[in-house]
Amino acid sequence: MERLTDRKTAAALKKNADGLREKGVEPNISDLRYIKLAEYENIEEMY
């Protein structure tokens, strides 16, 4: 199965989202969805 997300992009978005949360700012919902999809794809690749 072909990935819909890029690992590098997802890692950068996750780092950015974590930084925003530390400052009390809610990250963009589309970024959070991308991160979640990438995490799901990572799990799928393991099986």
PDB file of N, CA and C in Angstrom:
ATOM      1  N   MET A   1       0.838  -1.189   0.000  1.00  0.00           N
ATOM      2  CA  MET A   1       0.000   0.000   0.000  1.00  0.00           C
ATOM      3  C   MET A   1       0.881   1.250   0.000  1.00  0.00           C
ATOM      4  N   GLU A   2       0.525   2.201  -0.813  1.00  0.00           N
ATOM      5  CA  GLU A   2       1.275   3.445  -0.919  1.00  0.00           C
ATOM      6  C   GLU A   2       0.878   4.391   0.214  1.00  0.00           C
ATOM      7  N   ARG A   3       1.870   5.061   0.784  1.00  0.00           N
ATOM      8  CA  ARG A   3       1.620   6.019   1.874  1.00  0.00           C
ATOM      9  C   ARG A   3       0.961   7.285   1.339  1.00  0.00           C
ATOM     10  N   LEU A   4       0.114   7.857   2.158  1.00  0.00           N
ATOM     11  CA  LEU A   4      -0.510   9.141   1.841  1.00  0.00           C
ATOM     12  C   LEU A   4       0.254  10.293   2.479  1.00  0.00           C
ATOM     13  N   THR A   5       1.123   9.963   3.435  1.00  0.00           N
ATOM     14  CA  THR A   5       1.866  10.993   4.162  1.00  0.00           C
ATOM     15  C   THR A   5       3.364  10.786   3.992  1.00  0.00           C
ATOM     16  N   ASP A   6       4.098  11.810   4.322  1.00  0.00           N
ATOM     17  CA  ASP A   6       5.554  11.774   4.278  1.00  0.00           C
ATOM     18  C   ASP A   6       6.068  11.760   5.715  1.00  0.00           C
ATOM     19  N   ARG A   7       6.956  10.847   6.024  1.00  0.00           N
ATOM     20  CA  ARG A   7       7.463  10.728   7.403  1.00  0.00           C
ATOM     21  C   ARG A   7       8.154  12.003   7.880  1.00  0.00           C
ATOM     22  N   LYS A   8       8.947  12.599   7.019  1.00  0.00           N
ATOM     23  CA  LYS A   8       9.700  13.808   7.386  1.00  0.00           C
ATOM     24  C   LYS A   8       8.748  14.973   7.691  1.00  0.00           C
ATOM     25  N   THR A   9       7.758  15.138   6.848  1.00  0.00           N
ATOM     26  CA  THR A   9       6.773  16.207   7.038  1.00  0.00           C
ATOM     27  C   THR A   9       5.986  15.988   8.325  1.00  0.00           C
ATOM     28  N   ALA A  10       5.578  14.755   8.561  1.00  0.00           N
ATOM     29  CA  ALA A  10       4.818  14.441   9.771  1.00  0.00           C
ATOM     30  C   ALA A  10       5.643  14.717  11.026  1.00  0.00           C
ATOM     31  N   ALA A  11       6.925  14.373  10.995  1.00  0.00           N
ATOM     32  CA  ALA A  11       7.791  14.615  12.155  1.00  0.00           C
ATOM     33  C   ALA A  11       7.939  16.113  12.414  1.00  0.00           C
ATOM     34  N   ALA A  12       8.082  16.896  11.348  1.00  0.00           N
ATOM     35  CA  ALA A  12       8.215  18.350  11.494  1.00  0.00           C
ATOM     36  C   ALA A  12       6.924  18.955  12.038  1.00  0.00           C
ATOM     37  N   LEU A  13       5.787  18.494  11.530  1.00  0.00           N
ATOM     38  CA  LEU A  13       4.500  19.001  12.007  1.00  0.00           C
ATOM     39  C   LEU A  13       4.277  18.635  13.473  1.00  0.00           C
ATOM     40  N   LYS A  14       4.666  17.421  13.855  1.00  0.00           N
ATOM     41  CA  LYS A  14       4.506  16.996  15.248  1.00  0.00           C
ATOM     42  C   LYS A  14       5.360  17.849  16.177  1.00  0.00           C
ATOM     43  N   LYS A  15       6.591  18.112  15.771  1.00  0.00           N
ATOM     44  CA  LYS A  15       7.477  18.954  16.583  1.00  0.00           C
ATOM     45  C   LYS A  15       6.884  20.358  16.742  1.00  0.00           C
ATOM     46  N   ASN A  16       6.370  20.897  15.650  1.00  0.00           N
ATOM     47  CA  ASN A  16       5.764  22.222  15.675  1.00  0.00           C
ATOM     48  C   ASN A  16       4.508  22.234  16.562  1.00  0.00           C
ATOM     49  N   ALA A  17       3.662  21.215  16.419  1.00  0.00           N
ATOM     50  CA  ALA A  17       2.440  21.135  17.213  1.00  0.00           C
ATOM     51  C   ALA A  17       2.764  21.018  18.701  1.00  0.00           C
ATOM     52  N   ASP A  18       3.765  20.219  19.040  1.00  0.00           N
ATOM     53  CA  ASP A  18       4.164  20.084  20.446  1.00  0.00           C
ATOM     54  C   ASP A  18       4.646  21.421  21.006  1.00  0.00           C
ATOM     55  N   GLY A  19       5.408  22.164  20.205  1.00  0.00           N
ATOM     56  CA  GLY A  19       5.893  23.476  20.627  1.00  0.00           C
ATOM     57  C   GLY A  19       4.761  24.468  20.837  1.00  0.00           C
ATOM     58  N   LEU A  20       3.783  24.434  19.940  1.00  0.00           N
ATOM     59  CA  LEU A  20       2.627  25.327  20.079  1.00  0.00           C
ATOM     60  C   LEU A  20       1.837  25.009  21.344  1.00  0.00           C
ATOM     61  N   ARG A  21       1.640  23.720  21.601  1.00  0.00           N
ATOM     62  CA  ARG A  21       0.899  23.321  22.806  1.00  0.00           C
ATOM     63  C   ARG A  21       1.607  23.775  24.070  1.00  0.00           C
ATOM     64  N   GLU A  22       2.943  23.687  24.074  1.00  0.00           N
ATOM     65  CA  GLU A  22       3.711  24.140  25.240  1.00  0.00           C
ATOM     66  C   GLU A  22       3.482  25.622  25.517  1.00  0.00           C
ATOM     67  N   LYS A  23       3.223  26.376  24.456  1.00  0.00           N
ATOM     68  CA  LYS A  23       2.999  27.813  24.594  1.00  0.00           C
ATOM     69  C   LYS A  23       1.521  28.143  24.794  1.00  0.00           C
ATOM     70  N   GLY A  24       0.674  27.107  24.841  1.00  0.00           N
ATOM     71  CA  GLY A  24      -0.745  27.323  25.078  1.00  0.00           C
ATOM     72  C   GLY A  24      -1.551  27.628  23.838  1.00  0.00           C
ATOM     73  N   VAL A  25      -1.001  27.339  22.662  1.00  0.00           N
ATOM     74  CA  VAL A  25      -1.700  27.597  21.403  1.00  0.00           C
ATOM     75  C   VAL A  25      -2.132  26.254  20.808  1.00  0.00           C
ATOM     76  N   GLU A  26      -3.386  26.167  20.413  1.00  0.00           N
ATOM     77  CA  GLU A  26      -3.884  24.930  19.803  1.00  0.00           C
ATOM     78  C   GLU A  26      -3.429  24.856  18.343  1.00  0.00           C
ATOM     79  N   PRO A  27      -2.765  23.767  17.947  1.00  0.00           N
ATOM     80  CA  PRO A  27      -2.307  23.610  16.559  1.00  0.00           C
ATOM     81  C   PRO A  27      -3.479  23.504  15.585  1.00  0.00           C
ATOM     82  N   ASN A  28      -3.187  23.751  14.325  1.00  0.00           N
ATOM     83  CA  ASN A  28      -4.169  23.669  13.247  1.00  0.00           C
ATOM     84  C   ASN A  28      -4.713  22.242  13.165  1.00  0.00           C
ATOM     85  N   ILE A  29      -6.032  22.103  13.044  1.00  0.00           N
ATOM     86  CA  ILE A  29      -6.666  20.788  13.016  1.00  0.00           C
ATOM     87  C   ILE A  29      -6.187  19.949  11.831  1.00  0.00           C
ATOM     88  N   SER A  30      -5.923  20.572  10.702  1.00  0.00           N
ATOM     89  CA  SER A  30      -5.457  19.801   9.543  1.00  0.00           C
ATOM     90  C   SER A  30      -4.059  19.226   9.800  1.00  0.00           C
ATOM     91  N   ASP A  31      -3.230  19.960  10.531  1.00  0.00           N
ATOM     92  CA  ASP A  31      -1.913  19.433  10.903  1.00  0.00           C
ATOM     93  C   ASP A  31      -2.054  18.237  11.829  1.00  0.00           C
ATOM     94  N   LEU A  32      -2.967  18.331  12.783  1.00  0.00           N
ATOM     95  CA  LEU A  32      -3.194  17.229  13.719  1.00  0.00           C
ATOM     96  C   LEU A  32      -3.713  15.991  12.989  1.00  0.00           C
ATOM     97  N   ARG A  33      -4.550  16.195  12.008  1.00  0.00           N
ATOM     98  CA  ARG A  33      -5.064  15.063  11.223  1.00  0.00           C
ATOM     99  C   ARG A  33      -3.944  14.412  10.419  1.00  0.00           C
ATOM    100  N   TYR A  34      -3.083  15.218   9.838  1.00  0.00           N
ATOM    101  CA  TYR A  34      -1.950  14.689   9.069  1.00  0.00           C
ATOM    102  C   TYR A  34      -1.045  13.849   9.972  1.00  0.00           C
ATOM    103  N   ILE A  35      -0.763  14.371  11.159  1.00  0.00           N
ATOM    104  CA  ILE A  35       0.076  13.647  12.120  1.00  0.00           C
ATOM    105  C   ILE A  35      -0.570  12.317  12.488  1.00  0.00           C
ATOM    106  N   LYS A  36      -1.859  12.332  12.769  1.00  0.00           N
ATOM    107  CA  LYS A  36      -2.573  11.107  13.159  1.00  0.00           C
ATOM    108  C   LYS A  36      -2.570  10.086  12.022  1.00  0.00           C
ATOM    109  N   LEU A  37      -2.785  10.541  10.795  1.00  0.00           N
ATOM    110  CA  LEU A  37      -2.758   9.641   9.648  1.00  0.00           C
ATOM    111  C   LEU A  37      -1.369   9.036   9.468  1.00  0.00           C
ATOM    112  N   ALA A  38      -0.343   9.843   9.628  1.00  0.00           N
ATOM    113  CA  ALA A  38       1.024   9.339   9.502  1.00  0.00           C
ATOM    114  C   ALA A  38       1.324   8.299  10.568  1.00  0.00           C
ATOM    115  N   GLU A  39       0.860   8.537  11.790  1.00  0.00           N
ATOM    116  CA  GLU A  39       1.063   7.566  12.869  1.00  0.00           C
ATOM    117  C   GLU A  39       0.351   6.260  12.543  1.00  0.00           C
ATOM    118  N   TYR A  40      -0.844   6.345  11.999  1.00  0.00           N
ATOM    119  CA  TYR A  40      -1.596   5.158  11.601  1.00  0.00           C
ATOM    120  C   TYR A  40      -0.837   4.398  10.512  1.00  0.00           C
ATOM    121  N   GLU A  41      -0.337   5.112   9.523  1.00  0.00           N
ATOM    122  CA  GLU A  41       0.407   4.466   8.441  1.00  0.00           C
ATOM    123  C   GLU A  41       1.690   3.808   8.967  1.00  0.00           C
ATOM    124  N   ASN A  42       2.333   4.427   9.927  1.00  0.00           N
ATOM    125  CA  ASN A  42       3.533   3.831  10.525  1.00  0.00           C
ATOM    126  C   ASN A  42       3.199   2.484  11.174  1.00  0.00           C
ATOM    127  N   ILE A  43       2.083   2.441  11.887  1.00  0.00           N
ATOM    128  CA  ILE A  43       1.653   1.197  12.526  1.00  0.00           C
ATOM    129  C   ILE A  43       1.308   0.148  11.476  1.00  0.00           C
ATOM    130  N   GLU A  44       0.603   0.559  10.437  1.00  0.00           N
ATOM    131  CA  GLU A  44       0.217  -0.362   9.363  1.00  0.00           C
ATOM    132  C   GLU A  44       1.444  -0.984   8.697  1.00  0.00           C
ATOM    133  N   GLU A  45       2.498  -0.206   8.522  1.00  0.00           N
ATOM    134  CA  GLU A  45       3.708  -0.718   7.875  1.00  0.00           C
ATOM    135  C   GLU A  45       4.403  -1.788   8.719  1.00  0.00           C
ATOM    136  N   MET A  46       4.210  -1.715  10.022  1.00  0.00           N
ATOM    137  CA  MET A  46       4.863  -2.679  10.908  1.00  0.00           C
ATOM    138  C   MET A  46       4.221  -4.063  10.786  1.00  0.00           C
ATOM    139  N   TYR A  47       2.983  -4.135  10.322  1.00  0.00           N
ATOM    140  CA  TYR A  47       2.282  -5.424  10.237  1.00  0.00           C
ATOM    141  C   TYR A  47       2.096  -5.899   8.834  1.00  0.00           C
TER     142      TYR A  47
END
